[in-house]
Amino acid sequence: MSSQSTGLRPWRQRWNALFQDHEIFIRTHGHVRFVRVSAVWQKRVALIAAAVLLAWAAVTIAIFVNQLLSADERAEVARKQAAATAAEARIAQYRDRVGEIAADLDERQAQLEEWQKTYFGAEALPAATDDDKTGAAADKPPETNTLKTSAVDPRLPPEAQALARIEARQEVFSARLLAAVGARAAKAEGAV
């Protein structure tokens, strides 16, 4: 044990040499006062200052390490945000494209309906006869069959609803056109 105590003795001597008792004389208006700062108080203040400094250094190092460790997480979040932004841009582009397609299809459907009125007139759909039970579902007024499609489904996005409405119009149009062609074919057959 003596070897350990002799190894620490020079450090203790240096430590004690740093902190010695000090007396401070203060003179004001002819009065002299003494303020004594003992070595014990100096050591305590130095230890408190060292502890505060070490705590500050530990907190600073912890913050720095946390920033280094969270840099990867922040980069990952930034990558995900960039991917989300790109996906939103693609969705917006898709919606614009679907809107353009719906407008184009709507315009084409209007043109087809105009041609149907030009070539077939406003002929009424022929009523289903008892002999034609197999085609009765096709000969029913198409509005009642086709309006129960996805155009009524409010869960669809607006772009899909526009396409579903066009689909319903096309189904109605094809049923009317088929009925008109069937009526003309029956007239032609009767004439022949």
Protein backbone atom coordinates (compact mmCIF):
# COMPACT_ATOMS: atom_id res chain seq x y z
CA MET A 1 0.00 0.00 0.00
CA SER A 2 2.85 2.30 0.64
CA SER A 3 3.75 2.26 -3.03
CA GLN A 4 0.30 3.53 -3.95
CA SER A 5 0.33 6.29 -1.36
CA THR A 6 3.81 7.39 -2.40
CA GLY A 7 2.70 7.48 -6.06
CA LEU A 8 -0.23 9.79 -5.21
CA ARG A 9 1.74 12.05 -2.85
CA PRO A 10 3.17 14.32 -5.54
CA TRP A 11 -0.33 14.85 -7.00
CA ARG A 12 -1.76 15.67 -3.59
CA GLN A 13 1.02 18.10 -2.94
CA ARG A 14 0.39 19.85 -6.26
CA TRP A 15 -3.36 19.90 -5.58
CA ASN A 16 -2.86 21.37 -2.07
CA ALA A 17 -0.34 23.88 -3.44
CA LEU A 18 -3.01 25.23 -5.81
CA PHE A 19 -5.42 25.95 -2.98
CA GLN A 20 -4.09 27.85 0.03
CA ASP A 21 -5.83 29.98 2.60
CA HIS A 22 -6.17 33.58 1.47
CA GLU A 23 -7.12 36.63 3.45
CA ILE A 24 -8.49 39.64 1.70
CA PHE A 25 -8.36 43.03 3.43
CA ILE A 26 -11.16 45.42 2.59
CA ARG A 27 -10.95 49.00 3.75
CA THR A 28 -13.90 51.35 3.47
CA HIS A 29 -14.32 54.65 5.26
CA GLY A 30 -11.59 53.88 7.69
CA HIS A 31 -12.85 50.48 8.61
CA VAL A 32 -10.83 47.42 7.78
CA ARG A 33 -12.49 44.09 7.32
CA PHE A 34 -11.02 40.72 6.59
CA VAL A 35 -12.50 38.16 4.26
CA ARG A 36 -10.95 34.79 4.59
CA VAL A 37 -11.19 32.28 1.75
CA SER A 38 -10.08 28.93 3.04
CA ALA A 39 -8.43 26.23 0.97
CA VAL A 40 -11.37 23.93 1.69
CA TRP A 41 -13.85 26.39 0.14
CA GLN A 42 -11.59 26.92 -2.84
CA LYS A 43 -11.37 23.16 -3.39
CA ARG A 44 -15.15 22.81 -3.12
CA VAL A 45 -15.75 25.60 -5.64
CA ALA A 46 -13.16 24.08 -7.97
CA LEU A 47 -14.78 20.65 -7.67
CA ILE A 48 -18.26 22.10 -8.30
CA ALA A 49 -16.94 24.02 -11.32
CA ALA A 50 -15.22 20.89 -12.63
CA ALA A 51 -18.39 18.85 -12.11
CA VAL A 52 -20.47 21.47 -13.97
CA LEU A 53 -17.90 21.57 -16.75
CA LEU A 54 -17.86 17.78 -17.03
CA ALA A 55 -21.67 17.65 -17.04
CA TRP A 56 -21.78 20.31 -19.76
CA ALA A 57 -19.17 18.40 -21.79
CA ALA A 58 -21.10 15.13 -21.34
CA VAL A 59 -24.37 16.74 -22.47
CA THR A 60 -22.65 18.36 -25.44
CA ILE A 61 -21.05 15.07 -26.48
CA ALA A 62 -24.38 13.24 -26.02
CA ILE A 63 -26.15 15.80 -28.24
CA PHE A 64 -23.42 15.53 -30.86
CA VAL A 65 -23.57 11.73 -30.86
CA ASN A 66 -27.37 11.84 -31.04
CA GLN A 67 -27.17 14.13 -34.05
CA LEU A 68 -24.70 11.80 -35.72
CA LEU A 69 -26.91 8.79 -35.04
CA SER A 70 -30.09 10.54 -36.13
CA ALA A 71 -28.52 11.84 -39.33
CA ASP A 72 -29.26 8.51 -41.01
CA GLU A 73 -32.85 8.64 -39.79
CA ARG A 74 -33.24 12.21 -41.06
CA ALA A 75 -31.79 11.18 -44.42
CA GLU A 76 -34.24 8.25 -44.56
CA VAL A 77 -37.13 10.58 -43.73
CA ALA A 78 -35.95 12.98 -46.43
CA ARG A 79 -35.80 10.11 -48.94
CA LYS A 80 -39.31 9.01 -47.98
CA GLN A 81 -40.59 12.57 -48.30
CA ALA A 82 -38.99 12.85 -51.73
CA ALA A 83 -40.58 9.53 -52.75
CA ALA A 84 -43.96 10.68 -51.43
CA THR A 85 -43.64 13.96 -53.32
CA ALA A 86 -42.76 12.08 -56.50
CA ALA A 87 -45.70 9.73 -55.98
CA GLU A 88 -48.03 12.67 -55.46
CA ALA A 89 -46.74 14.23 -58.67
CA ARG A 90 -47.34 10.95 -60.53
CA ILE A 91 -50.85 10.71 -59.08
CA ALA A 92 -51.61 14.28 -60.08
CA GLN A 93 -50.28 13.57 -63.57
CA TYR A 94 -52.37 10.37 -63.72
CA ARG A 95 -55.49 12.26 -62.63
CA ASP A 96 -54.89 14.92 -65.26
CA ARG A 97 -54.41 12.24 -67.90
CA VAL A 98 -57.57 10.38 -66.81
CA GLY A 99 -59.46 13.68 -66.92
CA GLU A 100 -58.21 14.30 -70.45
CA ILE A 101 -59.18 10.79 -71.53
CA ALA A 102 -62.63 11.19 -69.95
CA ALA A 103 -63.16 14.49 -71.76
CA ASP A 104 -62.02 12.94 -75.05
CA LEU A 105 -64.30 9.91 -74.59
CA ASP A 106 -67.19 12.17 -73.65
CA GLU A 107 -66.65 14.20 -76.81
CA ARG A 108 -66.46 11.05 -78.96
CA GLN A 109 -69.59 9.64 -77.32
CA ALA A 110 -71.46 12.87 -78.05
CA GLN A 111 -70.35 12.62 -81.69
CA LEU A 112 -71.56 9.00 -81.89
CA GLU A 113 -74.92 9.94 -80.39
CA GLU A 114 -75.24 12.77 -82.91
CA TRP A 115 -74.52 10.37 -85.78
CA GLN A 116 -77.05 7.91 -84.36
CA LYS A 117 -79.72 10.66 -84.39
CA THR A 118 -78.69 11.64 -87.92
CA TYR A 119 -78.86 8.12 -89.38
CA PHE A 120 -81.55 6.52 -87.24
CA GLY A 121 -83.51 9.53 -86.07
CA ALA A 122 -85.17 9.64 -82.71
CA GLU A 123 -86.67 6.19 -83.11
CA ALA A 124 -88.18 4.79 -79.95
CA LEU A 125 -86.78 1.55 -78.66
CA PRO A 126 -88.96 -1.35 -79.68
CA ALA A 127 -90.79 -2.99 -76.80
CA ALA A 128 -89.88 -6.55 -75.95
CA THR A 129 -92.34 -9.09 -77.28
CA ASP A 130 -93.32 -12.33 -75.63
CA ASP A 131 -91.57 -14.25 -78.42
CA ASP A 132 -88.26 -12.59 -77.58
CA LYS A 133 -87.82 -13.49 -73.90
CA THR A 134 -84.09 -14.12 -74.32
CA GLY A 135 -83.41 -10.55 -75.40
CA ALA A 136 -85.81 -8.98 -72.91
CA ALA A 137 -83.07 -7.90 -70.56
CA ALA A 138 -81.24 -6.18 -73.40
CA ASP A 139 -84.46 -4.55 -74.65
CA LYS A 140 -85.45 -3.06 -71.29
CA PRO A 141 -84.85 0.63 -71.05
CA PRO A 142 -81.10 0.70 -70.62
CA GLU A 143 -81.19 3.56 -68.15
CA THR A 144 -82.54 1.26 -65.45
CA ASN A 145 -79.87 -1.39 -66.09
CA THR A 146 -76.81 0.77 -66.54
CA LEU A 147 -77.33 3.42 -63.89
CA LYS A 148 -76.73 0.77 -61.25
CA THR A 149 -73.09 0.60 -62.31
CA SER A 150 -70.08 2.17 -60.66
CA ALA A 151 -71.18 5.70 -61.69
CA VAL A 152 -73.42 5.73 -58.63
CA ASP A 153 -70.70 4.40 -56.33
CA PRO A 154 -69.56 7.42 -54.26
CA ARG A 155 -66.44 5.60 -53.05
CA LEU A 156 -64.80 5.94 -56.46
CA PRO A 157 -62.50 8.89 -57.07
CA PRO A 158 -63.98 11.66 -59.23
CA GLU A 159 -61.88 10.63 -62.23
CA ALA A 160 -63.19 7.06 -62.07
CA GLN A 161 -66.75 8.33 -61.62
CA ALA A 162 -66.40 10.33 -64.84
CA LEU A 163 -65.24 7.21 -66.68
CA ALA A 164 -68.07 5.15 -65.13
CA ARG A 165 -70.62 7.74 -66.32
CA ILE A 166 -69.17 7.50 -69.83
CA GLU A 167 -69.36 3.71 -69.60
CA ALA A 168 -73.05 3.95 -68.64
CA ARG A 169 -73.68 6.31 -71.56
CA GLN A 170 -71.96 3.90 -73.92
CA GLU A 171 -74.00 0.97 -72.64
CA VAL A 172 -77.22 2.96 -73.14
CA PHE A 173 -76.03 4.02 -76.58
CA SER A 174 -75.12 0.49 -77.65
CA ALA A 175 -78.49 -0.84 -76.44
CA ARG A 176 -80.36 1.88 -78.36
CA LEU A 177 -78.25 1.36 -81.46
CA LEU A 178 -78.73 -2.41 -81.32
CA ALA A 179 -82.48 -1.95 -80.91
CA ALA A 180 -82.62 0.52 -83.81
CA VAL A 181 -80.60 -1.77 -86.05
CA GLY A 182 -82.83 -4.69 -85.04
CA ALA A 183 -85.95 -2.67 -85.85
CA ARG A 184 -84.59 -1.69 -89.26
CA ALA A 185 -83.59 -5.26 -89.98
CA ALA A 186 -87.11 -6.40 -89.07
CA LYS A 187 -88.59 -3.74 -91.38
CA ALA A 188 -86.22 -4.80 -94.18
CA GLU A 189 -87.13 -8.45 -93.60
CA GLY A 190 -90.81 -7.58 -93.73
CA ALA A 191 -90.30 -5.60 -96.93
CA VAL A 192 -88.42 -8.43 -98.58
